[in-house]
């Protein structure tokens, strides 16, 4: 598509950068890495070079508002125009939550989207930045696409970009950029309409009208505007129900990860004497969630299981579920719900992209990961605010408090005691040494404390839709009573290595459902450390974060 005569397409020479390999959620590095000349441009051009048929098509663009977001948006707009896109739909101010981006891609039949986020990682000039490509289905690019992008980054010699002024991102409307249209959209509107089609907003309004109180911690991240519009304006939650609602480039110098450690302000409110009925939080780009009742924490695994068991109460899911999908390290609580409903429960590697094929093929409706991610087939990303609204719909329909709903679920299905211990910022070589040591252990039949090992392996996944095989997805040690220990290295960090250890024990006896989580898992926690030789191999005696 021809550009206006006054705007020139520049072809700039460049050389490859090492390490531009997308992880489970795109390419994540420190801001200063992305600020290097040509670094961002090389990766964006590699995305475009590996796609076909996008000339004249629509691209969706936006991010979580972290430091360098606006600058990166301007670069990508100019490169999209220079490479032949016909239109880019970009959130006002460069803002678009990850689930909202997926919603917009799907609603308008876009060719794909570029999302600028490092999710729950810290933001600021010395912190993290990220970029990922989503396909026309609205979900993260599958491995064959990310592998092609990585291969191109190692060969790239130039990129295309317009020589022109920046675009005004703060006014909704359309402007020409060369031969391309830049359409600045309200980042909330399409997403809010989708939520209204899925949930009983009238019932939730009545819930709030009758005095139900919620505290939603947006953590100065992207979901602030979404939560204010939907919870306070459309549903009638008391003004001020959303705290830390203004997105900031450094997330208010906080860590936008919705867990018991980083959402400490919310936890304090929910454990206080005047606690509201429900607490919730979301992360940097809006795809994760944490749910709390009064003095009660709902684990992400339990949340998925409870929502699956009660999904029929929401209008968008009244016809039932096609299946449930969970990542391998996620607790097996949803499996029991699937069995009771007579539907499959798929076990995939960690990474939302693995759910995409199952959702597209109609094999699953609800999906979840233990790392505070829950979602459904309404988009192709996990969705923090969706989970909050689903919980509100369930509470409104059942007329019970959150803790009552979860305890009732345990009585029916049993309780899976479950915890994750993260060892962050480890020496990479030491962390990989732990994993290699674990791979070489032969434990079948061995008695360890009060447990007997049924098997141990390195989890491998064959996609039931396209047959793709993903190997080395986490070390599993499974005991004869169904208890498990899982070890894996996270792919979402930017410095050093993060070793995650997951412990799980099933307890069917309702009389034993009120134990402290860490106490109930104490023996498994000790076994997990000893098997992996954590102290000797990493120099760490205690985890950085326990969830």
Protein backbone atom coordinates (compact mmCIF):
# COMPACT_ATOMS: atom_id res chain seq x y z
CA UNK A 1 0.00 0.00 0.00
CA UNK A 2 1.50 3.30 -1.08
CA UNK A 3 2.40 5.87 1.52
CA UNK A 4 1.84 9.60 1.39
CA UNK A 5 4.64 11.33 -0.57
CA UNK A 6 5.71 13.32 2.50
CA UNK A 7 6.30 10.18 4.55
CA UNK A 8 9.24 7.99 3.64
CA UNK A 9 9.77 4.30 4.29
CA UNK A 10 13.28 3.83 5.64
CA UNK A 11 15.11 0.53 5.45
CA UNK A 12 17.61 0.53 8.30
CA UNK A 13 20.47 -1.91 8.39
CA UNK A 14 20.84 -3.95 11.55
CA UNK A 15 22.60 -6.98 12.97
CA UNK A 16 21.14 -9.80 15.09
CA UNK A 17 21.02 -9.73 18.88
CA UNK A 18 21.60 -12.90 20.85
CA UNK A 19 18.84 -14.16 23.11
CA UNK A 20 15.74 -12.90 21.33
CA UNK A 21 13.98 -16.20 21.96
CA UNK A 22 10.34 -15.85 23.10
CA UNK A 23 9.51 -17.75 26.30
CA UNK A 24 6.14 -19.08 27.44
CA UNK A 25 4.72 -15.53 27.23
CA UNK A 26 6.83 -13.75 24.65
CA UNK A 27 10.18 -11.98 24.86
CA UNK A 28 10.96 -10.47 28.26
CA UNK A 29 14.07 -8.50 29.12
CA UNK A 30 15.07 -5.49 31.16
CA UNK A 31 13.92 -2.12 29.81
CA UNK A 32 17.49 -1.09 29.11
CA UNK A 33 17.89 -4.11 26.83
CA UNK A 34 14.85 -3.07 24.79
CA UNK A 35 16.11 0.52 24.67
CA UNK A 36 19.23 -0.50 22.76
CA UNK A 37 19.19 0.84 19.20
CA UNK A 38 17.48 -1.61 16.83
CA UNK A 39 16.65 -4.18 19.56
CA UNK A 40 12.87 -3.75 19.62
CA UNK A 41 12.81 -3.07 15.90
CA UNK A 42 14.65 -6.30 15.09
CA UNK A 43 12.16 -8.38 17.03
CA UNK A 44 9.10 -6.64 15.55
CA UNK A 45 10.46 -7.01 12.02
CA UNK A 46 11.10 -10.69 12.74
CA UNK A 47 7.41 -11.06 13.66
CA UNK A 48 6.35 -9.44 10.40
CA UNK A 49 8.89 -11.38 8.32
CA UNK A 50 7.53 -14.72 9.54
CA UNK A 51 3.86 -13.92 8.80
CA UNK A 52 2.16 -14.07 5.40
CA UNK A 53 -0.86 -12.34 3.97
CA UNK A 54 -1.12 -9.35 6.30
CA UNK A 55 -0.94 -6.61 3.65
CA UNK A 56 -3.95 -4.36 4.10
CA UNK A 57 -5.05 -6.34 7.17
CA UNK A 58 -5.74 -5.18 10.75
CA UNK A 59 -3.30 -5.46 13.65
CA UNK A 60 -4.31 -4.95 17.30
CA UNK A 61 -1.78 -3.21 19.54
CA UNK A 62 -1.57 -2.24 23.20
CA UNK A 63 0.06 -2.99 26.50
CA UNK A 64 -0.09 -2.78 30.26
CA UNK A 65 1.22 0.78 30.49
CA UNK A 66 4.54 -0.13 32.05
CA UNK A 67 7.65 2.00 31.48
CA UNK A 68 8.59 2.17 27.75
CA UNK A 69 5.07 1.15 26.65
CA UNK A 70 4.22 4.39 24.85
CA UNK A 71 7.58 4.60 23.10
CA UNK A 72 7.34 1.02 21.92
CA UNK A 73 3.80 1.58 20.61
CA UNK A 74 5.01 4.46 18.43
CA UNK A 75 7.82 2.33 16.98
CA UNK A 76 5.47 -0.55 16.19
CA UNK A 77 2.89 1.73 14.55
CA UNK A 78 5.53 3.14 12.21
CA UNK A 79 6.87 -0.32 11.43
CA UNK A 80 3.40 -1.76 10.83
CA UNK A 81 2.70 1.03 8.33
CA UNK A 82 6.05 0.54 6.61
CA UNK A 83 5.42 -3.19 6.31
CA UNK A 84 1.99 -2.86 4.70
CA UNK A 85 -0.68 -3.30 7.36
CA UNK A 86 -3.91 -1.52 6.46
CA UNK A 87 -5.08 -0.66 9.97
CA UNK A 88 -3.84 -0.83 13.56
CA UNK A 89 -6.36 -0.76 16.38
CA UNK A 90 -4.56 0.59 19.44
CA UNK A 91 -5.90 1.20 22.95
CA UNK A 92 -6.11 4.83 24.04
CA UNK A 93 -2.84 5.85 25.66
CA UNK A 94 -1.30 2.61 24.37
CA UNK A 95 -3.29 0.74 27.03
CA UNK A 96 -4.97 -2.62 26.39
CA UNK A 97 -5.15 -5.47 28.85
CA UNK A 98 -4.06 -8.85 27.54
CA UNK A 99 -7.56 -10.42 27.68
CA UNK A 100 -9.05 -7.25 26.16
CA UNK A 101 -6.54 -7.46 23.30
CA UNK A 102 -7.63 -11.04 22.68
CA UNK A 103 -11.26 -9.91 22.75
CA UNK A 104 -10.63 -7.15 20.19
CA UNK A 105 -8.64 -9.45 17.87
CA UNK A 106 -11.48 -11.97 17.84
CA UNK A 107 -14.37 -9.50 17.64
CA UNK A 108 -13.01 -7.58 14.66
CA UNK A 109 -11.35 -10.46 12.80
CA UNK A 110 -7.89 -8.94 13.05
CA UNK A 111 -4.91 -10.62 11.46
CA UNK A 112 -3.24 -10.73 14.86
CA UNK A 113 -1.97 -8.57 17.68
CA UNK A 114 1.12 -7.37 19.46
CA UNK A 115 0.86 -7.11 23.24
CA UNK A 116 3.42 -5.17 25.23
CA UNK A 117 3.70 -6.63 28.70
CA UNK A 118 5.90 -8.48 31.14
CA UNK A 119 2.73 -9.53 32.97
CA UNK A 120 3.31 -9.77 36.73
CA UNK A 121 6.97 -8.68 36.58
CA UNK A 122 7.99 -5.30 38.09
CA UNK A 123 8.00 -2.16 35.93
CA UNK A 124 10.16 0.94 35.76
CA UNK A 125 13.30 2.15 33.99
CA UNK A 126 15.44 -0.50 35.68
CA UNK A 127 12.84 -3.27 35.58
CA UNK A 128 11.15 -5.45 32.98
CA UNK A 129 9.52 -5.07 29.59
CA UNK A 130 7.99 -7.63 27.25
CA UNK A 131 6.45 -8.18 23.86
CA UNK A 132 4.49 -11.06 22.39
CA UNK A 133 2.61 -11.85 19.21
CA UNK A 134 -0.96 -13.19 19.25
CA UNK A 135 -2.52 -14.91 16.26
CA UNK A 136 -5.91 -14.34 14.63
CA UNK A 137 -7.51 -16.73 17.13
CA UNK A 138 -6.61 -14.17 19.81
CA UNK A 139 -4.14 -16.35 21.71
CA UNK A 140 -0.36 -16.43 22.10
CA UNK A 141 1.53 -17.64 19.06
CA UNK A 142 2.13 -21.41 19.14
CA UNK A 143 5.63 -22.80 19.43
CA UNK A 144 6.10 -23.29 15.68
CA UNK A 145 5.48 -19.55 15.21
CA UNK A 146 7.68 -18.40 18.10
CA UNK A 147 10.45 -20.72 16.91
CA UNK A 148 10.24 -19.18 13.44
CA UNK A 149 10.40 -15.67 14.94
CA UNK A 150 13.46 -16.64 16.97
CA UNK A 151 15.15 -18.14 13.91
CA UNK A 152 14.52 -14.91 11.99
CA UNK A 153 16.01 -12.76 14.80
CA UNK A 154 19.28 -14.65 14.29
CA UNK A 155 19.41 -13.81 10.58
CA UNK A 156 17.90 -10.33 10.33
CA UNK A 157 19.91 -7.66 8.51
CA UNK A 158 17.44 -4.76 8.25
CA UNK A 159 14.01 -3.48 9.22
CA UNK A 160 11.38 -1.20 7.69
CA UNK A 161 10.04 1.89 9.48
CA UNK A 162 8.40 5.20 8.58
CA UNK A 163 10.19 8.50 9.07
CA UNK A 164 7.33 10.53 10.54
CA UNK A 165 6.07 12.23 13.72
CA UNK A 166 4.48 10.24 16.54
CA UNK A 167 0.74 9.54 16.57
CA UNK A 168 -1.58 11.11 19.15
CA UNK A 169 -2.54 8.10 21.29
CA UNK A 170 -4.80 9.98 23.69
CA UNK A 171 -7.70 10.89 21.39
CA UNK A 172 -10.19 8.24 20.27
CA UNK A 173 -10.57 8.28 16.49
CA UNK A 174 -8.76 7.54 13.25
CA UNK A 175 -5.69 9.12 11.73
CA UNK A 176 -3.62 8.29 8.66
CA UNK A 177 -0.08 7.06 9.06
CA UNK A 178 1.31 6.77 5.56
CA UNK A 179 -1.05 4.38 3.80
CA UNK A 180 -2.28 2.86 7.07
CA UNK A 181 -5.11 3.89 9.40
CA UNK A 182 -4.37 4.18 13.11
CA UNK A 183 -7.60 3.67 15.04
CA UNK A 184 -7.37 4.67 18.69
CA UNK A 185 -10.10 2.80 20.58
CA UNK A 186 -11.60 2.83 24.07
CA UNK A 187 -9.63 0.00 25.69
CA UNK A 188 -12.54 -1.04 27.95
CA UNK A 189 -15.72 -0.89 25.84
CA UNK A 190 -15.50 -4.10 23.79
CA UNK A 191 -14.29 -6.12 26.76
CA UNK A 192 -17.05 -4.80 29.04
CA UNK A 193 -19.71 -5.72 26.47
CA UNK A 194 -18.31 -9.25 26.28
CA UNK A 195 -18.45 -9.61 30.07
CA UNK A 196 -22.06 -8.44 30.10
CA UNK A 197 -22.94 -11.18 27.62
CA UNK A 198 -21.45 -13.89 29.86
CA UNK A 199 -22.65 -12.99 33.35
CA UNK A 200 -25.90 -12.06 35.08
CA UNK A 201 -25.17 -8.38 35.64
CA UNK A 202 -28.65 -7.83 37.09
CA UNK A 203 -28.05 -10.42 39.81
CA UNK A 204 -24.63 -8.93 40.61
CA UNK A 205 -26.13 -5.43 40.75
CA UNK A 206 -28.70 -6.71 43.24
CA UNK A 207 -25.90 -8.29 45.26
CA UNK A 208 -24.12 -4.94 45.56
CA UNK A 209 -27.39 -3.08 46.14
CA UNK A 210 -28.11 -5.36 49.10
CA UNK A 211 -24.84 -4.40 50.77
CA UNK A 212 -22.26 -6.86 49.45
CA UNK A 213 -18.84 -5.22 49.50
CA UNK A 214 -15.77 -5.93 47.39
CA UNK A 215 -12.20 -4.62 47.50
CA UNK A 216 -10.47 -4.96 44.13
CA UNK A 217 -6.73 -4.18 44.11
CA UNK A 218 -5.67 -3.17 40.59
CA UNK A 219 -2.07 -2.82 41.85
CA UNK A 220 -1.58 0.37 39.78
CA UNK A 221 -1.69 -1.85 36.71
CA UNK A 222 -3.81 -2.14 33.61
CA UNK A 223 -7.09 -3.40 35.13
CA UNK A 224 -7.78 -0.21 37.08
CA UNK A 225 -9.87 1.41 34.32
CA UNK A 226 -11.59 -1.91 33.54
CA UNK A 227 -12.54 -2.57 37.17
CA UNK A 228 -13.73 0.99 37.78
CA UNK A 229 -15.95 0.91 34.70
CA UNK A 230 -17.40 -2.57 35.23
CA UNK A 231 -17.49 -3.00 39.01
CA UNK A 232 -18.27 0.53 40.14
CA UNK A 233 -20.06 2.18 37.21
CA UNK A 234 -21.93 -0.70 35.55
CA UNK A 235 -22.52 -3.01 38.52
CA UNK A 236 -22.88 -0.47 41.31
CA UNK A 237 -20.12 -1.43 43.71
CA UNK A 238 -19.48 1.33 46.24
CA UNK A 239 -17.16 4.03 44.83
CA UNK A 240 -13.67 3.33 46.13
CA UNK A 241 -14.14 -0.43 45.90
CA UNK A 242 -11.27 -0.38 43.40
CA UNK A 243 -7.99 0.54 45.08
CA UNK A 244 -4.68 1.39 43.39
CA UNK A 245 -6.75 1.89 40.25
CA UNK A 246 -4.55 4.30 38.31
CA UNK A 247 -2.10 2.54 35.95
CA UNK A 248 1.45 3.76 36.57
CA UNK A 249 4.63 3.05 34.55
CA UNK A 250 6.32 1.57 37.64
CA UNK A 251 3.12 0.13 39.18
CA UNK A 252 3.55 2.49 42.10
CA UNK A 253 6.95 0.90 42.80
CA UNK A 254 5.09 -2.29 43.63
CA UNK A 255 5.27 -5.81 42.25
CA UNK A 256 2.08 -6.34 40.18
CA UNK A 257 1.73 -10.02 41.06
CA UNK A 258 -1.62 -10.88 42.72
CA UNK A 259 -0.47 -13.22 45.45
CA UNK A 260 -0.42 -13.19 49.24
CA UNK A 261 3.04 -11.59 49.34
CA UNK A 262 2.79 -8.80 46.77
CA UNK A 263 -0.88 -7.90 47.31
CA UNK A 264 -0.19 -7.36 51.01
CA UNK A 265 -2.41 -4.26 51.28
CA UNK A 266 -5.40 -6.24 50.10
CA UNK A 267 -4.57 -9.19 52.36
CA UNK A 268 -4.41 -6.83 55.34
CA UNK A 269 -7.84 -5.40 54.47
CA UNK A 270 -9.39 -8.87 54.10
CA UNK A 271 -7.95 -10.04 57.41
CA UNK A 272 -8.99 -6.88 59.23
CA UNK A 273 -11.94 -6.28 61.56
CA UNK A 274 -14.05 -4.48 58.93
CA UNK A 275 -13.22 -6.73 56.02
CA UNK A 276 -15.49 -6.56 52.96
CA UNK A 277 -17.21 -9.72 51.70
CA UNK A 278 -14.77 -10.33 48.87
CA UNK A 279 -11.24 -9.35 47.98
CA UNK A 280 -9.70 -9.63 44.52
CA UNK A 281 -6.61 -8.53 42.69
CA UNK A 282 -5.23 -8.65 39.18
CA UNK A 283 -1.73 -8.29 37.75
CA UNK A 284 0.25 -6.06 35.42
CA UNK A 285 -1.55 -6.92 32.18
CA UNK A 286 -4.84 -8.10 33.64
CA UNK A 287 -4.66 -11.81 32.95
CA UNK A 288 -4.12 -13.13 36.49
CA UNK A 289 -6.32 -13.02 39.56
CA UNK A 290 -6.43 -13.67 43.29
CA UNK A 291 -9.68 -14.31 45.14
CA UNK A 292 -10.14 -13.81 48.89
CA UNK A 293 -13.02 -14.13 51.33
CA UNK A 294 -12.99 -12.72 54.83
CA UNK A 295 -9.89 -14.23 56.44
CA UNK A 296 -9.96 -16.82 53.66
CA UNK A 297 -7.66 -17.39 50.69
CA UNK A 298 -8.87 -19.28 47.62
CA UNK A 299 -6.01 -21.10 45.92
CA UNK A 300 -6.00 -20.75 42.11
CA UNK A 301 -6.42 -24.51 41.77
CA UNK A 302 -9.47 -24.52 44.06
CA UNK A 303 -10.80 -21.48 42.21
CA UNK A 304 -10.75 -23.32 38.90
CA UNK A 305 -12.42 -26.35 40.45
CA UNK A 306 -15.14 -24.34 42.20
CA UNK A 307 -15.89 -22.24 39.13
CA UNK A 308 -16.10 -25.36 36.98
CA UNK A 309 -18.54 -26.96 39.42
CA UNK A 310 -20.70 -23.82 39.44
CA UNK A 311 -20.27 -22.52 35.89
CA UNK A 312 -23.85 -23.43 34.97
CA UNK A 313 -25.02 -20.60 37.25
CA UNK A 314 -23.64 -18.00 34.79
CA UNK A 315 -25.75 -17.41 31.65
CA UNK A 316 -22.78 -17.75 29.30
CA UNK A 317 -22.09 -21.27 30.57
CA UNK A 318 -25.63 -22.48 31.32
CA UNK A 319 -25.44 -25.20 28.66
CA UNK A 320 -22.53 -26.88 30.43
CA UNK A 321 -18.81 -27.32 29.88
CA UNK A 322 -17.10 -29.19 27.04
CA UNK A 323 -14.09 -29.92 29.19
CA UNK A 324 -11.61 -28.47 31.67
CA UNK A 325 -7.92 -27.89 31.00
CA UNK A 326 -5.24 -27.33 33.60
CA UNK A 327 -1.47 -27.04 33.48
CA UNK A 328 0.41 -30.05 34.78
CA UNK A 329 1.70 -28.35 37.99
CA UNK A 330 -1.82 -27.16 38.86
CA UNK A 331 -3.49 -29.22 41.57
CA UNK A 332 -5.71 -32.11 40.58
CA UNK A 333 -8.80 -30.60 42.24
CA UNK A 334 -10.42 -29.80 38.85
CA UNK A 335 -9.99 -33.43 37.76
CA UNK A 336 -12.55 -34.56 40.33
CA UNK A 337 -15.07 -32.00 39.12
CA UNK A 338 -14.55 -33.10 35.51
CA UNK A 339 -15.09 -36.71 36.51
CA UNK A 340 -18.33 -35.84 38.30
CA UNK A 341 -19.55 -33.85 35.29
CA UNK A 342 -18.57 -36.59 32.85
CA UNK A 343 -16.26 -34.33 30.84
CA UNK A 344 -12.54 -34.57 30.06
CA UNK A 345 -9.86 -32.80 32.09
CA UNK A 346 -6.79 -32.08 29.96
CA UNK A 347 -3.33 -31.83 31.53
CA UNK A 348 -1.01 -29.54 29.55
CA UNK A 349 2.42 -27.95 30.02
CA UNK A 350 2.58 -24.55 31.70
CA UNK A 351 1.82 -21.70 29.31
CA UNK A 352 -1.59 -20.48 28.16
CA UNK A 353 -0.72 -21.12 24.52
CA UNK A 354 -1.14 -24.85 25.17
CA UNK A 355 -4.83 -24.28 25.93
CA UNK A 356 -5.44 -22.54 22.61
CA UNK A 357 -5.78 -25.67 20.48
CA UNK A 358 -8.12 -27.28 23.00
CA UNK A 359 -10.34 -24.19 23.08
CA UNK A 360 -10.36 -23.76 19.30
CA UNK A 361 -11.21 -27.44 18.82
CA UNK A 362 -14.10 -27.27 21.30
CA UNK A 363 -12.46 -29.72 23.69
CA UNK A 364 -12.40 -27.39 26.71
CA UNK A 365 -14.43 -24.47 28.05
CA UNK A 366 -12.63 -23.52 31.29
CA UNK A 367 -8.86 -23.41 31.72
CA UNK A 368 -6.58 -22.65 34.63
CA UNK A 369 -3.05 -22.53 35.94
CA UNK A 370 -1.82 -22.56 39.51
CA UNK A 371 0.04 -19.31 38.82
CA UNK A 372 -3.16 -17.30 39.40
CA UNK A 373 -4.49 -17.69 35.87
CA UNK A 374 -8.09 -18.69 35.07
CA UNK A 375 -10.16 -18.21 31.96
CA UNK A 376 -12.56 -19.70 29.44
CA UNK A 377 -13.26 -19.95 25.73
CA UNK A 378 -14.56 -16.35 25.61
CA UNK A 379 -11.02 -15.24 24.68
CA UNK A 380 -7.71 -17.03 24.18
CA UNK A 381 -5.91 -15.63 27.19
CA UNK A 382 -6.35 -16.05 30.91
CA UNK A 383 -8.50 -13.28 32.28
CA UNK A 384 -8.29 -11.84 35.78
CA UNK A 385 -11.41 -9.68 35.80
CA UNK A 386 -13.44 -12.46 34.15
CA UNK A 387 -12.59 -14.70 37.13
CA UNK A 388 -13.72 -12.00 39.57
CA UNK A 389 -17.02 -11.58 37.73
CA UNK A 390 -17.56 -15.35 37.58
CA UNK A 391 -17.07 -15.52 41.36
CA UNK A 392 -19.53 -12.63 41.86
CA UNK A 393 -22.06 -14.44 39.67
CA UNK A 394 -21.65 -17.64 41.70
CA UNK A 395 -21.97 -15.79 45.02
CA UNK A 396 -25.05 -13.94 43.76
CA UNK A 397 -26.68 -17.18 42.60
CA UNK A 398 -25.86 -19.26 45.66
CA UNK A 399 -26.34 -16.65 48.36
CA UNK A 400 -23.34 -17.96 50.31
CA UNK A 401 -20.07 -16.40 51.44
CA UNK A 402 -16.90 -17.30 49.56
CA UNK A 403 -15.50 -19.45 52.36
CA UNK A 404 -18.81 -21.30 52.67
CA UNK A 405 -18.79 -22.09 48.95
CA UNK A 406 -15.23 -23.43 49.06
CA UNK A 407 -15.75 -25.48 52.22
CA UNK A 408 -18.88 -26.97 50.72
CA UNK A 409 -16.86 -27.87 47.65
CA UNK A 410 -14.27 -29.63 49.82
CA UNK A 411 -16.98 -31.62 51.57
CA UNK A 412 -18.26 -32.84 48.24
CA UNK A 413 -14.99 -33.47 46.40
CA UNK A 414 -12.30 -33.58 49.09
CA UNK A 415 -9.53 -31.05 49.63
CA UNK A 416 -6.25 -30.88 47.73
CA UNK A 417 -3.69 -29.31 50.05
CA UNK A 418 -1.38 -27.51 47.67
CA UNK A 419 1.49 -25.03 47.75
CA UNK A 420 4.16 -23.56 45.47
CA UNK A 421 7.62 -22.57 46.70
CA UNK A 422 9.59 -20.25 44.43
CA UNK A 423 13.36 -19.87 44.55
CA UNK A 424 13.94 -16.69 42.53
CA UNK A 425 17.14 -15.24 41.10
CA UNK A 426 19.11 -18.47 41.27
CA UNK A 427 22.35 -18.94 39.41
CA UNK A 428 21.17 -20.39 36.09
CA UNK A 429 23.78 -23.13 36.01
CA UNK A 430 22.93 -24.19 39.56
CA UNK A 431 19.20 -24.27 38.82
CA UNK A 432 19.73 -26.35 35.69
CA UNK A 433 21.95 -28.63 37.74
CA UNK A 434 19.06 -29.25 40.15
CA UNK A 435 16.82 -30.27 37.26
CA UNK A 436 19.42 -32.55 35.71
CA UNK A 437 20.03 -34.20 39.09
CA UNK A 438 16.28 -34.84 39.44
CA UNK A 439 16.03 -36.26 35.91
CA UNK A 440 18.63 -38.87 36.75
CA UNK A 441 16.88 -40.17 39.88
CA UNK A 442 15.23 -43.61 39.75
CA UNK A 443 12.63 -43.52 42.53
CA UNK A 444 9.86 -45.95 41.59
CA UNK A 445 8.98 -48.18 44.56
CA UNK A 446 11.21 -46.25 46.96
CA UNK A 447 9.86 -45.46 50.43
CA UNK A 448 10.49 -41.85 51.49
CA UNK A 449 9.14 -41.05 54.95
CA UNK A 450 5.49 -42.08 55.02
CA UNK A 451 5.22 -42.00 51.22
CA UNK A 452 5.95 -44.59 48.55
CA UNK A 453 6.92 -43.43 45.05
CA UNK A 454 4.61 -44.68 42.30
CA UNK A 455 6.73 -43.13 39.52
CA UNK A 456 8.90 -40.17 38.62
CA UNK A 457 9.37 -38.68 35.16
CA UNK A 458 9.98 -35.56 33.07
CA UNK A 459 6.54 -34.55 31.81
CA UNK A 460 6.03 -34.74 28.05
CA UNK A 461 2.88 -33.56 26.26
CA UNK A 462 1.43 -34.61 22.93
CA UNK A 463 -1.17 -32.11 21.74
CA UNK A 464 -4.42 -34.01 21.10
CA UNK A 465 -5.34 -31.62 18.29
CA UNK A 466 -2.22 -31.20 16.15
CA UNK A 467 0.05 -33.90 17.55
CA UNK A 468 2.83 -31.48 18.50
CA UNK A 469 5.14 -32.86 21.19
CA UNK A 470 6.56 -30.75 24.04
CA UNK A 471 9.23 -32.43 26.15
CA UNK A 472 10.99 -31.60 29.43
CA UNK A 473 8.01 -29.74 30.86
CA UNK A 474 8.68 -30.46 34.53
CA UNK A 475 9.89 -33.21 36.82
CA UNK A 476 7.11 -35.17 38.53
CA UNK A 477 7.45 -37.35 41.62
CA UNK A 478 4.11 -39.07 42.16
CA UNK A 479 3.33 -41.15 45.24
CA UNK A 480 1.02 -44.13 45.56
CA UNK A 481 -1.59 -42.14 47.51
CA UNK A 482 -1.81 -39.55 44.71
CA UNK A 483 0.35 -36.94 46.43
CA UNK A 484 2.84 -35.19 44.15
CA UNK A 485 5.95 -33.07 44.02
CA UNK A 486 6.63 -31.15 40.80
CA UNK A 487 9.75 -29.20 39.88
CA UNK A 488 10.14 -26.81 36.96
CA UNK A 489 12.12 -23.78 35.89
CA UNK A 490 9.97 -20.75 35.13
CA UNK A 491 10.16 -19.11 31.72
CA UNK A 492 8.78 -15.72 32.77
CA UNK A 493 11.72 -14.12 34.57
CA UNK A 494 14.37 -11.79 33.17
CA UNK A 495 17.26 -12.26 35.61
CA UNK A 496 18.79 -15.52 36.75
CA UNK A 497 16.55 -18.56 37.09
CA UNK A 498 13.42 -19.24 39.09
CA UNK A 499 12.91 -22.77 40.40
CA UNK A 500 9.32 -23.57 41.26
CA UNK A 501 8.46 -26.52 43.50
CA UNK A 502 4.85 -27.66 43.85
CA UNK A 503 3.58 -29.93 46.63
CA UNK A 504 0.15 -31.54 46.67
CA UNK A 505 -1.69 -33.94 49.02
CA UNK A 506 -5.31 -35.06 48.73
CA UNK A 507 -7.44 -35.25 51.88
CA UNK A 508 -10.93 -36.77 51.52
CA UNK A 509 -11.85 -36.57 55.23
CA UNK A 510 -13.89 -33.39 56.01
CA UNK A 511 -12.70 -33.60 59.61
CA UNK A 512 -9.18 -32.83 58.36
CA UNK A 513 -9.98 -29.94 56.02
CA UNK A 514 -9.09 -27.14 58.42
CA UNK A 515 -5.36 -27.78 58.75
CA UNK A 516 -2.89 -25.04 57.95
CA UNK A 517 -1.77 -25.55 54.37
CA UNK A 518 1.98 -25.55 55.10
CA UNK A 519 1.49 -27.80 58.12
CA UNK A 520 -0.50 -30.31 56.08
CA UNK A 521 2.28 -30.36 53.49
CA UNK A 522 5.24 -30.21 55.90
CA UNK A 523 6.55 -33.72 55.20
CA UNK A 524 6.26 -33.28 51.42
CA UNK A 525 8.00 -29.90 51.63
CA UNK A 526 10.93 -31.47 53.49
CA UNK A 527 11.10 -34.36 51.02
CA UNK A 528 11.05 -31.95 48.07
CA UNK A 529 14.02 -29.98 49.39
CA UNK A 530 16.00 -33.11 50.20
CA UNK A 531 15.38 -34.82 46.86
CA UNK A 532 16.48 -31.75 44.93
CA UNK A 533 19.45 -31.02 47.25
CA UNK A 534 18.32 -27.38 47.24
CA UNK A 535 20.63 -26.07 49.96
CA UNK A 536 23.77 -27.74 48.65
CA UNK A 537 23.19 -26.95 44.99
CA UNK A 538 21.78 -23.41 45.21
CA UNK A 539 22.97 -22.06 48.56
CA UNK A 540 19.37 -21.27 49.49
CA UNK A 541 17.69 -22.61 52.61
CA UNK A 542 14.29 -20.98 52.16
CA UNK A 543 12.12 -20.03 49.18
CA UNK A 544 11.71 -16.43 48.06
CA UNK A 545 7.93 -16.65 47.78
CA UNK A 546 5.43 -19.20 49.14
CA UNK A 547 1.92 -19.34 47.68
